[in-house]
Amino acid sequence: MRTGPPGPGGDAPVLLRPPRLFRPFITLVTTYGLPRYGEVEPTVFAALSFLAMFGMMFGDVGHGALVGLGGLLLALKGRGAAREAGPAVAACGVSSVVFGFLYGSCFGLEKFRAYALWRDPLEGDPMLLLRAALAGGVAVLSLGLILNIVNRLRAGDIYGAALGKFGAAGLAFYWAGLALAAGFARPRLMLPVMGVAVAAWLLREPALFFLRRDGAEAEGEGFAAVAAESLVGAFEGALLYLANTISFVRLAAYAMSHAALLAAAWTMREAADKVWGHGSAAGLLTVIAGNAVALGLEGLVAAVQALRLEYYEFFGKFFEPGGRAFRPFKLGI
C-alpha cells in the first residue's frame, strides 16, 4: 500500500519550528491553541506584532532596560517555565527601549524629552498618536486577513478564500471602507466595492447550501435558516471590522497613560521639594514610587492588552485552534 503526505487541515500532528530567534514566543501561540496541519505557522507574526504593541504602550528607555535585565536574569538563573519565558521578556524590554527613544522617555526625566526621535505621547496633537495606533491596527488586521486567505487556499476552500467574511471579499470591504473614511477615494468608487463584498457574504452560504443540499436537508437545515444566518453574519462582519479597528486606539491610550503617570510622579516630587526642600528624601521616594507603579502596573496592563489584541483581533481572523501536537515515540530501554 502506497501512502502520501497528509493534506492540509488533516489530523496529522503539528510541530511548531519557527526560526531560533522566535522560539521563545511559541508559548504565545500554544496558549491560544495549535494550528491545523498545513496552515501558516503563526509564531513569527505573533511575536513581531506582540512586541510592537507592547513597546508602543510601554515605551520608556529606563523601564524597558529594567524589563530586559529581568528577562535576561530569568533566562540565566530561572527554572522551568520562568527560564523559558526569559528571552521573550527580554525582547519586550528591548521593544520598550526602542519606543522609549521614539518618545524621549526615560523614567519620566524632563531633560530626556529633548532627544526624542519622534514625540512625547502627551505633547502636541494627540490625534497624531491615535492615527499611528490605528495605522498599526490596520496593518495587523490586514495581515490576519491575508493569512486567512492563504490558509483557506491551502485547505482547498475556494469559497472561503474568496467570499468569506475574512476572505478576499472581507479584505476588499475593509480597505474600501478605510479609503472612504480617510478621504482617499470618492464614495461612488468605494461604495460599490463594499456592496459587492457584502453581497458575497450574503450569497456564500446559500450557494453552498444548494451545492450540498442533500446533506443540509438531512440535517434539518432549511434554506430560510441559511439565508437568515448569512444576513446576520454580513451585518456582524460590517460591525466587526469597525470595532476591531477602533480597539487599537488603546495602544495610544495606554502610551499616554504611562507618560501621564510618570509626569504625575515628577510633579508630586516638585511639590514635596517645596515643602521639605530641594532634593528632599520625600521627593526622591515619590519619584521612585511613581516609577515602581508605572513599571509594575503599567507593564502588566500593557502585556495583558497586547495579548487581548493578539488573540481576539489578530488570531481571530485566521487562527482556528484544532491542531494535534506532535509527540515523538520514546523507546524504553
Protein backbone atom coordinates (compact mmCIF):
# COMPACT_ATOMS: atom_id res chain seq x y z
CA MET A 1 0.00 0.00 0.00
CA ARG A 2 1.37 3.41 -1.00
CA THR A 3 0.91 6.44 1.17
CA GLY A 4 1.47 10.13 0.54
CA PRO A 5 1.90 13.18 2.68
CA PRO A 6 -1.21 14.26 4.61
CA GLY A 7 -3.29 17.06 3.17
CA PRO A 8 -3.70 20.49 4.79
CA GLY A 9 -6.22 20.59 7.60
CA GLY A 10 -5.94 16.87 8.27
CA ASP A 11 -5.34 15.11 11.55
CA ALA A 12 -1.58 14.93 11.13
CA PRO A 13 0.30 16.10 14.25
CA VAL A 14 1.81 19.58 14.29
CA LEU A 15 5.27 20.65 15.45
CA LEU A 16 5.99 24.38 15.58
CA ARG A 17 9.56 25.10 14.45
CA PRO A 18 9.98 28.85 13.90
CA PRO A 19 13.43 30.42 13.43
CA ARG A 20 15.54 30.10 16.58
CA LEU A 21 15.21 33.81 17.37
CA PHE A 22 11.42 33.48 17.70
CA ARG A 23 11.21 30.16 19.53
CA PRO A 24 10.73 31.81 22.95
CA PHE A 25 7.35 33.02 21.63
CA ILE A 26 5.98 29.55 20.85
CA THR A 27 4.11 29.64 24.17
CA LEU A 28 2.34 32.78 22.97
CA VAL A 29 0.82 30.65 20.20
CA THR A 30 0.24 27.37 22.02
CA THR A 31 -1.59 29.12 24.86
CA TYR A 32 -4.22 30.00 22.26
CA GLY A 33 -4.04 26.63 20.51
CA LEU A 34 -2.27 24.78 17.71
CA PRO A 35 -2.86 25.48 14.02
CA ARG A 36 -4.04 22.60 11.89
CA TYR A 37 -1.56 20.73 9.74
CA GLY A 38 -0.66 22.67 6.60
CA GLU A 39 -1.78 26.07 7.87
CA VAL A 40 0.53 29.06 8.22
CA GLU A 41 2.92 28.81 11.17
CA PRO A 42 1.98 31.97 13.12
CA THR A 43 4.82 32.27 15.65
CA VAL A 44 6.89 34.88 13.80
CA PHE A 45 3.85 37.06 13.06
CA ALA A 46 2.62 36.72 16.64
CA ALA A 47 6.00 37.64 18.11
CA LEU A 48 6.55 40.72 15.95
CA SER A 49 3.04 42.10 16.42
CA PHE A 50 3.08 41.47 20.18
CA LEU A 51 6.44 43.17 20.64
CA ALA A 52 5.36 46.19 18.60
CA MET A 53 2.11 46.59 20.53
CA PHE A 54 3.74 46.12 23.92
CA GLY A 55 6.53 48.56 23.12
CA MET A 56 4.12 51.22 21.90
CA MET A 57 2.10 51.07 25.13
CA PHE A 58 5.13 50.78 27.42
CA GLY A 59 7.74 52.92 25.71
CA ASP A 60 10.43 54.02 28.15
CA VAL A 61 14.18 53.55 27.92
CA GLY A 62 14.68 53.10 31.66
CA HIS A 63 11.73 50.81 32.27
CA GLY A 64 12.50 48.82 29.13
CA ALA A 65 16.09 48.33 30.28
CA LEU A 66 14.85 47.00 33.64
CA VAL A 67 12.39 44.65 31.94
CA GLY A 68 15.13 43.46 29.59
CA LEU A 69 17.50 42.89 32.51
CA GLY A 70 14.79 40.95 34.34
CA GLY A 71 14.24 38.77 31.29
CA LEU A 72 17.96 38.14 30.98
CA LEU A 73 18.16 37.08 34.63
CA LEU A 74 15.21 34.73 34.14
CA ALA A 75 16.90 33.18 31.12
CA LEU A 76 20.18 32.67 33.00
CA LYS A 77 19.05 31.92 36.56
CA GLY A 78 15.39 30.94 36.29
CA ARG A 79 13.95 27.45 36.28
CA GLY A 80 11.28 25.71 34.25
CA ALA A 81 8.68 27.95 32.64
CA ALA A 82 10.29 31.11 34.06
CA ARG A 83 13.56 30.32 32.31
CA GLU A 84 11.79 29.60 29.03
CA ALA A 85 9.93 32.92 29.25
CA GLY A 86 13.13 34.88 29.95
CA PRO A 87 14.15 35.59 26.34
CA ALA A 88 10.61 36.73 25.45
CA VAL A 89 10.55 39.09 28.45
CA ALA A 90 13.97 40.44 27.45
CA ALA A 91 12.70 41.06 23.91
CA CYS A 92 9.75 43.01 25.34
CA GLY A 93 12.26 45.15 27.22
CA VAL A 94 14.17 45.86 24.00
CA SER A 95 10.94 46.90 22.29
CA SER A 96 10.16 49.26 25.18
CA VAL A 97 13.64 50.80 24.88
CA VAL A 98 13.13 51.40 21.14
CA PHE A 99 9.81 53.14 21.68
CA GLY A 100 11.30 54.98 24.65
CA PHE A 101 13.81 56.61 22.31
CA LEU A 102 10.97 57.49 19.94
CA TYR A 103 9.02 59.08 22.80
CA GLY A 104 12.02 60.64 24.52
CA SER A 105 11.10 58.90 27.76
CA CYS A 106 13.50 57.62 30.41
CA PHE A 107 11.98 57.29 33.88
CA GLY A 108 9.94 60.39 33.01
CA LEU A 109 13.01 62.69 33.07
CA GLU A 110 12.19 66.07 31.54
CA LYS A 111 15.67 66.57 30.04
CA PHE A 112 15.49 63.29 28.11
CA ARG A 113 12.49 64.52 26.07
CA ALA A 114 14.74 66.84 24.10
CA TYR A 115 16.32 63.76 22.49
CA ALA A 116 13.03 62.18 21.34
CA LEU A 117 13.30 60.71 17.86
CA TRP A 118 9.57 61.33 17.37
CA ARG A 119 7.48 62.90 20.16
CA ASP A 120 6.31 62.54 23.74
CA PRO A 121 2.84 60.89 23.95
CA LEU A 122 1.47 63.82 25.96
CA GLU A 123 2.85 66.64 23.81
CA GLY A 124 1.45 68.08 20.60
CA ASP A 125 -1.64 66.89 18.80
CA PRO A 126 -2.93 63.67 20.44
CA MET A 127 -4.62 62.72 17.15
CA LEU A 128 -1.21 62.02 15.65
CA LEU A 129 -0.57 59.25 18.18
CA LEU A 130 -4.13 57.95 17.74
CA ARG A 131 -3.68 57.80 13.97
CA ALA A 132 -0.40 55.92 14.43
CA ALA A 133 -2.17 53.40 16.68
CA LEU A 134 -4.98 52.94 14.16
CA ALA A 135 -2.47 52.53 11.32
CA GLY A 136 -0.78 49.77 13.30
CA GLY A 137 -4.16 48.14 13.86
CA VAL A 138 -4.97 48.28 10.15
CA ALA A 139 -1.65 46.56 9.38
CA VAL A 140 -2.26 43.79 11.95
CA LEU A 141 -5.86 43.17 10.83
CA SER A 142 -4.90 43.18 7.15
CA LEU A 143 -2.14 40.66 7.82
CA GLY A 144 -4.65 38.43 9.61
CA LEU A 145 -6.99 38.54 6.61
CA ILE A 146 -4.17 37.70 4.19
CA LEU A 147 -3.08 34.76 6.35
CA ASN A 148 -6.67 33.52 6.44
CA ILE A 149 -6.89 33.65 2.65
CA VAL A 150 -3.65 31.64 2.43
CA ASN A 151 -4.97 29.06 4.93
CA ARG A 152 -8.27 28.69 3.09
CA LEU A 153 -6.49 28.21 -0.25
CA ARG A 154 -4.16 25.61 1.25
CA ALA A 155 -7.17 23.74 2.58
CA GLY A 156 -8.87 23.87 -0.82
CA ASP A 157 -11.66 26.12 0.48
CA ILE A 158 -12.01 28.37 -2.56
CA TYR A 159 -15.35 29.75 -1.44
CA GLY A 160 -13.98 30.68 1.97
CA ALA A 161 -10.86 32.30 0.48
CA ALA A 162 -12.88 34.37 -1.99
CA LEU A 163 -16.26 35.03 -0.38
CA GLY A 164 -15.66 34.54 3.34
CA LYS A 165 -16.10 37.27 5.93
CA PHE A 166 -12.34 37.19 6.45
CA GLY A 167 -11.51 36.24 2.86
CA ALA A 168 -10.83 38.35 -0.23
CA ALA A 169 -14.32 39.88 -0.03
CA GLY A 170 -13.66 40.92 3.56
CA LEU A 171 -10.29 42.42 2.62
CA ALA A 172 -11.89 44.39 -0.22
CA PHE A 173 -14.67 45.62 2.09
CA TYR A 174 -12.18 46.65 4.77
CA TRP A 175 -9.80 48.55 2.52
CA ALA A 176 -12.61 50.22 0.60
CA GLY A 177 -14.11 51.36 3.90
CA LEU A 178 -10.71 52.66 5.06
CA ALA A 179 -10.16 54.57 1.82
CA LEU A 180 -13.62 56.06 2.14
CA ALA A 181 -13.19 57.03 5.81
CA ALA A 182 -9.76 58.56 5.20
CA GLY A 183 -10.99 60.55 2.21
CA PHE A 184 -8.59 58.85 -0.19
CA ALA A 185 -11.34 57.84 -2.61
CA ARG A 186 -14.79 59.03 -3.60
CA PRO A 187 -17.91 57.26 -2.33
CA ARG A 188 -19.07 56.48 -5.88
CA LEU A 189 -15.95 54.33 -6.29
CA MET A 190 -15.74 52.66 -2.89
CA LEU A 191 -19.40 52.06 -2.05
CA PRO A 192 -19.91 49.64 -4.99
CA VAL A 193 -16.85 47.66 -3.84
CA MET A 194 -18.26 47.44 -0.33
CA GLY A 195 -21.66 46.48 -1.71
CA VAL A 196 -20.20 43.65 -3.79
CA ALA A 197 -18.31 42.37 -0.74
CA VAL A 198 -21.47 42.35 1.39
CA ALA A 199 -23.34 40.60 -1.42
CA ALA A 200 -20.60 37.94 -1.46
CA TRP A 201 -21.10 37.39 2.28
CA LEU A 202 -24.85 37.13 1.78
CA LEU A 203 -24.63 34.68 -1.14
CA ARG A 204 -21.84 32.42 0.09
CA GLU A 205 -23.84 30.16 2.43
CA PRO A 206 -26.96 29.97 0.21
CA ALA A 207 -24.71 28.95 -2.69
CA LEU A 208 -23.06 26.28 -0.57
CA PHE A 209 -26.50 25.16 0.59
CA PHE A 210 -27.53 24.25 -2.93
CA LEU A 211 -24.20 22.56 -3.58
CA ARG A 212 -24.67 20.31 -0.56
CA ARG A 213 -28.46 20.44 -0.43
CA ASP A 214 -28.99 16.76 0.24
CA GLY A 215 -26.73 16.78 3.29
CA ALA A 216 -28.14 20.02 4.61
CA GLU A 217 -31.74 18.81 4.33
CA ALA A 218 -30.79 15.59 6.07
CA GLU A 219 -29.58 17.67 8.98
CA GLY A 220 -32.86 19.59 9.04
CA GLU A 221 -31.29 22.86 7.88
CA GLY A 222 -33.63 24.73 5.56
CA PHE A 223 -32.81 27.45 3.06
CA ALA A 224 -34.59 30.10 5.11
CA ALA A 225 -32.37 29.36 8.12
CA VAL A 226 -29.24 29.50 5.97
CA ALA A 227 -30.30 32.81 4.40
CA ALA A 228 -31.09 34.33 7.81
CA GLU A 229 -27.73 33.18 9.14
CA SER A 230 -25.97 34.81 6.17
CA LEU A 231 -27.83 38.07 6.74
CA VAL A 232 -26.83 38.16 10.40
CA GLY A 233 -23.26 37.19 9.52
CA ALA A 234 -22.96 40.01 6.95
CA PHE A 235 -24.25 42.57 9.44
CA GLU A 236 -21.90 41.26 12.11
CA GLY A 237 -18.97 41.35 9.71
CA ALA A 238 -19.51 45.01 8.84
CA LEU A 239 -19.62 45.98 12.52
CA LEU A 240 -16.71 43.71 13.43
CA TYR A 241 -14.25 45.48 11.15
CA LEU A 242 -15.15 48.82 12.68
CA ALA A 243 -14.98 47.54 16.26
CA ASN A 244 -11.71 45.69 15.74
CA THR A 245 -10.01 48.71 14.20
CA ILE A 246 -11.16 51.04 16.98
CA SER A 247 -9.82 48.54 19.55
CA PHE A 248 -6.29 49.53 18.57
CA VAL A 249 -6.87 53.02 19.93
CA ARG A 250 -5.85 51.51 23.26
CA LEU A 251 -2.24 51.45 22.01
CA ALA A 252 -2.21 55.23 22.09
CA ALA A 253 -4.35 55.46 25.22
CA TYR A 254 -2.02 53.32 27.33
CA ALA A 255 1.06 55.06 25.94
CA MET A 256 -0.41 58.35 27.15
CA SER A 257 -1.43 56.76 30.44
CA HIS A 258 2.12 55.56 31.06
CA ALA A 259 3.55 59.00 30.28
CA ALA A 260 0.93 60.72 32.45
CA LEU A 261 1.73 58.53 35.44
CA LEU A 262 5.42 59.39 35.19
CA ALA A 263 4.63 63.08 34.76
CA ALA A 264 2.44 62.94 37.86
CA ALA A 265 5.28 61.37 39.87
CA TRP A 266 7.67 64.20 38.97
CA THR A 267 5.01 66.83 39.67
CA MET A 268 4.49 65.34 43.13
CA ARG A 269 8.24 65.37 43.64
CA GLU A 270 8.32 69.11 42.93
CA ALA A 271 5.50 69.63 45.44
CA ALA A 272 7.38 67.60 48.05
CA ASP A 273 10.56 69.63 47.47
CA LYS A 274 8.65 72.85 48.07
CA VAL A 275 7.64 71.55 51.49
CA TRP A 276 10.81 69.74 52.61
CA GLY A 277 13.42 71.48 50.46
CA HIS A 278 15.11 70.79 47.14
CA GLY A 279 16.44 67.23 46.82
CA SER A 280 14.44 66.03 49.82
CA ALA A 281 14.14 62.35 50.63
CA ALA A 282 10.35 62.66 50.33
CA GLY A 283 10.65 63.94 46.78
CA LEU A 284 13.08 61.16 45.84
CA LEU A 285 10.80 58.49 47.33
CA THR A 286 7.86 59.95 45.40
CA VAL A 287 9.70 59.58 42.10
CA ILE A 288 10.85 56.05 42.97
CA ALA A 289 7.33 55.01 44.00
CA GLY A 290 5.81 56.51 40.84
CA ASN A 291 8.28 54.70 38.62
CA ALA A 292 7.74 51.45 40.53
CA VAL A 293 3.99 51.68 39.99
CA ALA A 294 4.49 52.51 36.32
CA LEU A 295 6.93 49.63 35.90
CA GLY A 296 4.79 47.04 37.66
CA LEU A 297 1.21 48.07 37.00
CA GLU A 298 1.59 49.65 33.56
CA GLY A 299 3.87 46.84 32.42
CA LEU A 300 1.30 44.23 33.41
CA VAL A 301 -1.54 46.17 31.79
CA ALA A 302 0.42 46.62 28.56
CA ALA A 303 1.15 42.89 28.39
CA VAL A 304 -2.50 41.98 29.01
CA GLN A 305 -3.79 44.45 26.44
CA ALA A 306 -1.26 43.28 23.85
CA LEU A 307 -2.41 39.69 24.44
CA ARG A 308 -6.02 40.75 24.08
CA LEU A 309 -5.34 42.42 20.72
CA GLU A 310 -3.22 39.46 19.65
CA TYR A 311 -5.76 36.76 20.44
CA TYR A 312 -9.03 38.47 19.62
CA GLU A 313 -8.33 40.96 16.83
CA PHE A 314 -5.39 39.20 15.11
CA PHE A 315 -5.68 35.46 15.73
CA GLY A 316 -9.46 35.66 15.41
CA LYS A 317 -9.09 36.43 11.70
CA PHE A 318 -7.15 33.37 10.60
CA PHE A 319 -6.32 31.06 13.50
CA GLU A 320 -8.75 28.24 14.30
CA PRO A 321 -7.16 26.05 17.01
CA GLY A 322 -7.61 22.39 16.30
CA GLY A 323 -4.17 21.02 15.59
CA ARG A 324 -2.80 17.93 17.33
CA ALA A 325 0.59 18.25 18.97
CA PHE A 326 3.41 16.08 17.66
CA ARG A 327 4.70 13.70 20.31
CA PRO A 328 7.70 11.58 19.27
CA PHE A 329 7.88 7.92 20.14
CA LYS A 330 10.08 7.05 23.08
CA LEU A 331 11.65 3.62 23.43
CA GLY A 332 12.08 2.40 26.97
CA ILE A 333 15.37 0.53 27.23
